[in-house]
Amino acid sequence: MKKSKITMLIGVLLLLTLYVFPLWKITLVAPQYPEPLGMNIHITHLSDGVQYNDVKNIDLLNHYIGMAHLPTEENVKKGVVEPFLEFDIFPIIIGVMVGLGLIFAFLGKSKLFLTWFIIMAILGIAGMYDFYNWLYIYGHNLDPKAILKIIDPNTGKLMGYQPPFLGYKKILNFEVYSYPQIGAYFLSLGILLSFVAYIMGKKEEKEKSVENN
């Protein structure tokens, strides 16, 4: 089997790790919590990031300051929040792209490798935008009847509590950290390998053309 095909195949199969590992993690550190609170974000659900019940505790804190409930399975069953559409869509998209990538790897055409790379790059950018938008909505669409209301002196409106998309941010007495996790690294590596496969495939096709001539 050609090296380009093998490289493409590895890149495609790396996407399957997204069904197991989280894409992102948000961590909250505050004096009143001896252990930080963490929330892992997967393509299908949210999970505790540091210790048991982290997501539940973060949800309670968020609701205390007027943020909407997190789209956990428990909250959806209770009817306090609508199902998070992305948790249904993302697994399907990944499955389709894995299937498409396997077909392209089998066909072994460099142009197909590039096509897959471009599609995945566009989907990756769209996913990051969707994540940022999700954080913005959760941090700014606040309940005016919340127990704790802090008015922003600059706008005269309720203070927003949007977590950082990437990096560090101070929110009230919380230090909030937001960073990619192993799923995001595997995803990035898979996309990168598809581009490497494209370059390798172009070289192999050129060498084959020279041999035929």
C-alpha atoms as a PDB file:
ATOM      1  CA  MET A   1       0.000   0.000   0.000  1.00  0.00           C
ATOM      2  CA  LYS A   2       1.243   3.495  -0.844  1.00  0.00           C
ATOM      3  CA  LYS A   3       2.581   5.628   2.000  1.00  0.00           C
ATOM      4  CA  SER A   4       0.096   8.363   1.141  1.00  0.00           C
ATOM      5  CA  LYS A   5      -2.806   5.927   1.557  1.00  0.00           C
ATOM      6  CA  ILE A   6      -1.503   4.728   4.916  1.00  0.00           C
ATOM      7  CA  THR A   7      -1.009   8.311   6.119  1.00  0.00           C
ATOM      8  CA  MET A   8      -4.511   9.267   4.994  1.00  0.00           C
ATOM      9  CA  LEU A   9      -5.973   6.188   6.657  1.00  0.00           C
ATOM     10  CA  ILE A  10      -4.294   6.998   9.981  1.00  0.00           C
ATOM     11  CA  GLY A  11      -5.497  10.600   9.794  1.00  0.00           C
ATOM     12  CA  VAL A  12      -9.077   9.531   9.156  1.00  0.00           C
ATOM     13  CA  LEU A  13      -9.130   6.901  11.906  1.00  0.00           C
ATOM     14  CA  LEU A  14      -7.869   9.445  14.451  1.00  0.00           C
ATOM     15  CA  LEU A  15     -11.307  11.054  14.254  1.00  0.00           C
ATOM     16  CA  LEU A  16     -12.772   8.004  15.963  1.00  0.00           C
ATOM     17  CA  THR A  17     -11.039   9.076  19.186  1.00  0.00           C
ATOM     18  CA  LEU A  18     -13.592  11.898  19.431  1.00  0.00           C
ATOM     19  CA  TYR A  19     -16.181   9.331  20.483  1.00  0.00           C
ATOM     20  CA  VAL A  20     -14.030   8.584  23.543  1.00  0.00           C
ATOM     21  CA  PHE A  21     -11.955  11.603  24.519  1.00  0.00           C
ATOM     22  CA  PRO A  22     -13.096  15.172  25.308  1.00  0.00           C
ATOM     23  CA  LEU A  23     -12.470  18.043  22.913  1.00  0.00           C
ATOM     24  CA  TRP A  24     -12.211  20.839  25.457  1.00  0.00           C
ATOM     25  CA  LYS A  25     -12.043  21.504  29.171  1.00  0.00           C
ATOM     26  CA  ILE A  26     -13.123  24.483  31.259  1.00  0.00           C
ATOM     27  CA  THR A  27     -11.702  24.716  34.793  1.00  0.00           C
ATOM     28  CA  LEU A  28     -12.845  27.047  37.577  1.00  0.00           C
ATOM     29  CA  VAL A  29     -10.582  27.905  40.518  1.00  0.00           C
ATOM     30  CA  ALA A  30     -11.827  29.857  43.555  1.00  0.00           C
ATOM     31  CA  PRO A  31     -10.851  30.244  47.241  1.00  0.00           C
ATOM     32  CA  GLN A  32     -14.085  28.632  48.444  1.00  0.00           C
ATOM     33  CA  TYR A  33     -13.323  25.420  46.549  1.00  0.00           C
ATOM     34  CA  PRO A  34     -10.312  23.419  47.860  1.00  0.00           C
ATOM     35  CA  GLU A  35     -10.347  21.455  44.600  1.00  0.00           C
ATOM     36  CA  PRO A  36     -10.933  23.179  41.223  1.00  0.00           C
ATOM     37  CA  LEU A  37     -14.160  22.533  39.355  1.00  0.00           C
ATOM     38  CA  GLY A  38     -13.766  21.147  35.846  1.00  0.00           C
ATOM     39  CA  MET A  39     -16.043  20.407  32.931  1.00  0.00           C
ATOM     40  CA  ASN A  40     -15.030  18.308  29.931  1.00  0.00           C
ATOM     41  CA  ILE A  41     -16.801  18.978  26.645  1.00  0.00           C
ATOM     42  CA  HIS A  42     -17.252  15.944  24.379  1.00  0.00           C
ATOM     43  CA  ILE A  43     -18.983  15.741  21.001  1.00  0.00           C
ATOM     44  CA  THR A  44     -21.898  13.933  22.661  1.00  0.00           C
ATOM     45  CA  HIS A  45     -22.072  15.157  26.271  1.00  0.00           C
ATOM     46  CA  LEU A  46     -20.484  17.012  29.182  1.00  0.00           C
ATOM     47  CA  SER A  47     -18.478  15.186  31.844  1.00  0.00           C
ATOM     48  CA  ASP A  48     -16.850  15.939  35.199  1.00  0.00           C
ATOM     49  CA  GLY A  49     -13.383  17.346  34.696  1.00  0.00           C
ATOM     50  CA  VAL A  50     -11.708  17.091  38.104  1.00  0.00           C
ATOM     51  CA  GLN A  51     -13.932  15.330  40.586  1.00  0.00           C
ATOM     52  CA  TYR A  52     -17.358  13.741  40.865  1.00  0.00           C
ATOM     53  CA  ASN A  53     -20.341  16.112  40.409  1.00  0.00           C
ATOM     54  CA  ASP A  54     -18.220  18.924  38.941  1.00  0.00           C
ATOM     55  CA  VAL A  55     -20.665  19.557  36.106  1.00  0.00           C
ATOM     56  CA  LYS A  56     -23.612  19.596  38.532  1.00  0.00           C
ATOM     57  CA  ASN A  57     -21.835  22.052  40.843  1.00  0.00           C
ATOM     58  CA  ILE A  58     -20.861  24.307  37.936  1.00  0.00           C
ATOM     59  CA  ASP A  59     -24.457  24.225  36.737  1.00  0.00           C
ATOM     60  CA  LEU A  60     -25.686  25.305  40.184  1.00  0.00           C
ATOM     61  CA  LEU A  61     -23.164  28.151  40.299  1.00  0.00           C
ATOM     62  CA  ASN A  62     -24.105  29.281  36.808  1.00  0.00           C
ATOM     63  CA  HIS A  63     -27.810  29.286  37.602  1.00  0.00           C
ATOM     64  CA  TYR A  64     -27.144  31.246  40.798  1.00  0.00           C
ATOM     65  CA  ILE A  65     -25.863  34.174  38.702  1.00  0.00           C
ATOM     66  CA  GLY A  66     -28.590  33.831  36.064  1.00  0.00           C
ATOM     67  CA  MET A  67     -27.003  31.619  33.424  1.00  0.00           C
ATOM     68  CA  ALA A  68     -29.102  28.958  31.720  1.00  0.00           C
ATOM     69  CA  HIS A  69     -28.834  25.363  32.872  1.00  0.00           C
ATOM     70  CA  LEU A  70     -26.189  23.266  31.164  1.00  0.00           C
ATOM     71  CA  PRO A  71     -27.472  20.759  28.577  1.00  0.00           C
ATOM     72  CA  THR A  72     -26.777  17.692  30.687  1.00  0.00           C
ATOM     73  CA  GLU A  73     -28.814  14.515  30.247  1.00  0.00           C
ATOM     74  CA  GLU A  74     -30.324  15.043  33.699  1.00  0.00           C
ATOM     75  CA  ASN A  75     -31.430  18.610  32.941  1.00  0.00           C
ATOM     76  CA  VAL A  76     -32.898  17.583  29.585  1.00  0.00           C
ATOM     77  CA  LYS A  77     -34.906  14.805  31.247  1.00  0.00           C
ATOM     78  CA  LYS A  78     -36.196  17.267  33.847  1.00  0.00           C
ATOM     79  CA  GLY A  79     -37.256  19.609  31.060  1.00  0.00           C
ATOM     80  CA  VAL A  80     -35.349  22.590  32.461  1.00  0.00           C
ATOM     81  CA  VAL A  81     -33.305  22.949  29.258  1.00  0.00           C
ATOM     82  CA  GLU A  82     -33.695  22.028  25.602  1.00  0.00           C
ATOM     83  CA  PRO A  83     -31.503  19.218  24.212  1.00  0.00           C
ATOM     84  CA  PHE A  84     -28.213  20.520  22.845  1.00  0.00           C
ATOM     85  CA  LEU A  85     -28.609  20.000  19.100  1.00  0.00           C
ATOM     86  CA  GLU A  86     -24.850  19.790  18.523  1.00  0.00           C
ATOM     87  CA  PHE A  87     -24.627  16.658  20.689  1.00  0.00           C
ATOM     88  CA  ASP A  88     -26.827  14.915  18.106  1.00  0.00           C
ATOM     89  CA  ILE A  89     -25.276  16.478  15.007  1.00  0.00           C
ATOM     90  CA  PHE A  90     -21.537  16.285  15.746  1.00  0.00           C
ATOM     91  CA  PRO A  91     -21.350  12.462  16.107  1.00  0.00           C
ATOM     92  CA  ILE A  92     -23.144  12.095  12.775  1.00  0.00           C
ATOM     93  CA  ILE A  93     -20.814  14.549  11.041  1.00  0.00           C
ATOM     94  CA  ILE A  94     -17.754  12.759  12.399  1.00  0.00           C
ATOM     95  CA  GLY A  95     -19.159   9.387  11.294  1.00  0.00           C
ATOM     96  CA  VAL A  96     -19.850  10.704   7.784  1.00  0.00           C
ATOM     97  CA  MET A  97     -16.367  12.222   7.500  1.00  0.00           C
ATOM     98  CA  VAL A  98     -14.737   9.004   8.682  1.00  0.00           C
ATOM     99  CA  GLY A  99     -16.696   7.023   6.097  1.00  0.00           C
ATOM    100  CA  LEU A 100     -15.864   9.528   3.357  1.00  0.00           C
ATOM    101  CA  GLY A 101     -12.220   9.579   4.397  1.00  0.00           C
ATOM    102  CA  LEU A 102     -11.962   5.796   4.248  1.00  0.00           C
ATOM    103  CA  ILE A 103     -13.381   5.812   0.723  1.00  0.00           C
ATOM    104  CA  PHE A 104     -10.913   8.523  -0.326  1.00  0.00           C
ATOM    105  CA  ALA A 105      -8.036   6.608   1.298  1.00  0.00           C
ATOM    106  CA  PHE A 106      -9.027   3.465  -0.614  1.00  0.00           C
ATOM    107  CA  LEU A 107      -9.224   5.363  -3.934  1.00  0.00           C
ATOM    108  CA  GLY A 108      -5.805   6.861  -3.210  1.00  0.00           C
ATOM    109  CA  LYS A 109      -6.143  10.076  -5.237  1.00  0.00           C
ATOM    110  CA  SER A 110      -4.245  13.095  -3.909  1.00  0.00           C
ATOM    111  CA  LYS A 111      -7.036  15.480  -4.983  1.00  0.00           C
ATOM    112  CA  LEU A 112      -9.470  13.525  -2.818  1.00  0.00           C
ATOM    113  CA  PHE A 113      -7.093  13.809   0.147  1.00  0.00           C
ATOM    114  CA  LEU A 114      -7.012  17.585  -0.371  1.00  0.00           C
ATOM    115  CA  THR A 115     -10.797  17.699  -0.665  1.00  0.00           C
ATOM    116  CA  TRP A 116     -11.190  15.885   2.657  1.00  0.00           C
ATOM    117  CA  PHE A 117      -8.653  18.207   4.273  1.00  0.00           C
ATOM    118  CA  ILE A 118     -10.520  21.307   3.080  1.00  0.00           C
ATOM    119  CA  ILE A 119     -13.892  19.981   4.249  1.00  0.00           C
ATOM    120  CA  MET A 120     -12.471  19.086   7.676  1.00  0.00           C
ATOM    121  CA  ALA A 121     -10.770  22.474   7.983  1.00  0.00           C
ATOM    122  CA  ILE A 122     -14.071  24.236   7.225  1.00  0.00           C
ATOM    123  CA  LEU A 123     -15.934  22.019   9.694  1.00  0.00           C
ATOM    124  CA  GLY A 124     -13.256  22.684  12.316  1.00  0.00           C
ATOM    125  CA  ILE A 125     -13.582  26.454  11.922  1.00  0.00           C
ATOM    126  CA  ALA A 126     -17.382  26.190  12.015  1.00  0.00           C
ATOM    127  CA  GLY A 127     -17.142  24.068  15.171  1.00  0.00           C
ATOM    128  CA  MET A 128     -14.910  26.605  16.917  1.00  0.00           C
ATOM    129  CA  TYR A 129     -17.289  29.407  15.988  1.00  0.00           C
ATOM    130  CA  ASP A 130     -20.231  27.394  17.307  1.00  0.00           C
ATOM    131  CA  PHE A 131     -18.368  26.777  20.580  1.00  0.00           C
ATOM    132  CA  TYR A 132     -17.561  30.486  20.970  1.00  0.00           C
ATOM    133  CA  ASN A 133     -21.177  31.398  20.224  1.00  0.00           C
ATOM    134  CA  TRP A 134     -22.359  28.844  22.803  1.00  0.00           C
ATOM    135  CA  LEU A 135     -20.081  30.399  25.426  1.00  0.00           C
ATOM    136  CA  TYR A 136     -21.292  33.887  24.507  1.00  0.00           C
ATOM    137  CA  ILE A 137     -24.967  32.973  24.787  1.00  0.00           C
ATOM    138  CA  TYR A 138     -24.467  31.228  28.127  1.00  0.00           C
ATOM    139  CA  GLY A 139     -22.449  34.129  29.475  1.00  0.00           C
ATOM    140  CA  HIS A 140     -24.690  36.967  28.338  1.00  0.00           C
ATOM    141  CA  ASN A 141     -28.302  35.734  28.187  1.00  0.00           C
ATOM    142  CA  LEU A 142     -28.856  36.059  31.923  1.00  0.00           C
ATOM    143  CA  ASP A 143     -32.023  35.703  33.967  1.00  0.00           C
ATOM    144  CA  PRO A 144     -32.924  39.161  35.394  1.00  0.00           C
ATOM    145  CA  LYS A 145     -34.508  37.359  38.364  1.00  0.00           C
ATOM    146  CA  ALA A 146     -31.260  35.625  39.335  1.00  0.00           C
ATOM    147  CA  ILE A 147     -30.329  35.508  43.023  1.00  0.00           C
ATOM    148  CA  LEU A 148     -27.028  37.279  42.391  1.00  0.00           C
ATOM    149  CA  LYS A 149     -27.173  40.286  40.069  1.00  0.00           C
ATOM    150  CA  ILE A 150     -24.127  42.435  39.395  1.00  0.00           C
ATOM    151  CA  ILE A 151     -24.555  45.517  37.224  1.00  0.00           C
ATOM    152  CA  ASP A 152     -21.770  46.395  34.812  1.00  0.00           C
ATOM    153  CA  PRO A 153     -20.845  50.032  35.622  1.00  0.00           C
ATOM    154  CA  ASN A 154     -19.907  50.666  31.998  1.00  0.00           C
ATOM    155  CA  THR A 155     -23.170  49.522  30.412  1.00  0.00           C
ATOM    156  CA  GLY A 156     -25.678  49.653  33.266  1.00  0.00           C
ATOM    157  CA  LYS A 157     -26.752  46.131  32.345  1.00  0.00           C
ATOM    158  CA  LEU A 158     -26.280  42.771  34.016  1.00  0.00           C
ATOM    159  CA  MET A 159     -22.627  41.797  33.997  1.00  0.00           C
ATOM    160  CA  GLY A 160     -21.742  39.057  31.527  1.00  0.00           C
ATOM    161  CA  TYR A 161     -19.951  35.916  32.659  1.00  0.00           C
ATOM    162  CA  GLN A 162     -18.684  34.507  29.371  1.00  0.00           C
ATOM    163  CA  PRO A 163     -15.876  31.977  29.947  1.00  0.00           C
ATOM    164  CA  PRO A 164     -12.804  32.416  27.748  1.00  0.00           C
ATOM    165  CA  PHE A 165     -12.792  30.558  24.455  1.00  0.00           C
ATOM    166  CA  LEU A 166      -9.099  29.851  24.936  1.00  0.00           C
ATOM    167  CA  GLY A 167      -6.833  30.745  27.830  1.00  0.00           C
ATOM    168  CA  TYR A 168      -7.484  32.508  31.146  1.00  0.00           C
ATOM    169  CA  LYS A 169     -10.101  34.963  32.410  1.00  0.00           C
ATOM    170  CA  LYS A 170     -10.994  36.370  35.821  1.00  0.00           C
ATOM    171  CA  ILE A 171     -14.753  36.265  36.495  1.00  0.00           C
ATOM    172  CA  LEU A 172     -15.731  37.669  39.910  1.00  0.00           C
ATOM    173  CA  ASN A 173     -13.682  35.607  42.389  1.00  0.00           C
ATOM    174  CA  PHE A 174     -13.208  32.735  39.938  1.00  0.00           C
ATOM    175  CA  GLU A 175     -10.184  32.102  37.787  1.00  0.00           C
ATOM    176  CA  VAL A 176     -11.414  30.381  34.627  1.00  0.00           C
ATOM    177  CA  TYR A 177      -9.208  28.362  32.304  1.00  0.00           C
ATOM    178  CA  SER A 178     -10.285  27.022  28.918  1.00  0.00           C
ATOM    179  CA  TYR A 179      -8.031  24.711  26.899  1.00  0.00           C
ATOM    180  CA  PRO A 180      -8.272  21.963  24.264  1.00  0.00           C
ATOM    181  CA  GLN A 181      -8.024  18.362  25.384  1.00  0.00           C
ATOM    182  CA  ILE A 182      -6.726  15.157  23.816  1.00  0.00           C
ATOM    183  CA  GLY A 183      -9.676  14.827  21.426  1.00  0.00           C
ATOM    184  CA  ALA A 184      -8.893  18.217  19.882  1.00  0.00           C
ATOM    185  CA  TYR A 185      -5.229  17.278  19.486  1.00  0.00           C
ATOM    186  CA  PHE A 186      -6.110  13.991  17.776  1.00  0.00           C
ATOM    187  CA  LEU A 187      -8.565  15.844  15.523  1.00  0.00           C
ATOM    188  CA  SER A 188      -5.930  18.429  14.559  1.00  0.00           C
ATOM    189  CA  LEU A 189      -3.364  15.709  13.930  1.00  0.00           C
ATOM    190  CA  GLY A 190      -5.825  13.786  11.756  1.00  0.00           C
ATOM    191  CA  ILE A 191      -6.532  16.868   9.632  1.00  0.00           C
ATOM    192  CA  LEU A 192      -2.802  17.623   9.352  1.00  0.00           C
ATOM    193  CA  LEU A 193      -2.030  14.050   8.278  1.00  0.00           C
ATOM    194  CA  SER A 194      -4.596  14.301   5.472  1.00  0.00           C
ATOM    195  CA  PHE A 195      -2.674  17.293   4.092  1.00  0.00           C
ATOM    196  CA  VAL A 196       0.600  15.399   4.455  1.00  0.00           C
ATOM    197  CA  ALA A 197      -1.032  12.512   2.569  1.00  0.00           C
ATOM    198  CA  TYR A 198      -1.996  14.952  -0.180  1.00  0.00           C
ATOM    199  CA  ILE A 199       1.623  16.125  -0.569  1.00  0.00           C
ATOM    200  CA  MET A 200       2.901  12.544  -0.522  1.00  0.00           C
ATOM    201  CA  GLY A 201       0.240  11.495  -3.022  1.00  0.00           C
ATOM    202  CA  LYS A 202       1.176  14.293  -5.432  1.00  0.00           C
ATOM    203  CA  LYS A 203       4.788  13.166  -5.272  1.00  0.00           C
ATOM    204  CA  GLU A 204       3.855   9.512  -5.852  1.00  0.00           C
ATOM    205  CA  GLU A 205       1.639  10.414  -8.803  1.00  0.00           C
ATOM    206  CA  LYS A 206       4.407  12.511 -10.335  1.00  0.00           C
ATOM    207  CA  GLU A 207       6.936   9.698  -9.940  1.00  0.00           C
ATOM    208  CA  LYS A 208       4.499   7.226 -11.510  1.00  0.00           C
ATOM    209  CA  SER A 209       3.912   9.601 -14.428  1.00  0.00           C
ATOM    210  CA  VAL A 210       7.667   9.886 -15.018  1.00  0.00           C
ATOM    211  CA  GLU A 211       8.037   6.090 -14.955  1.00  0.00           C
ATOM    212  CA  ASN A 212       5.215   5.629 -17.462  1.00  0.00           C
ATOM    213  CA  ASN A 213       6.828   8.130 -19.826  1.00  0.00           C
END
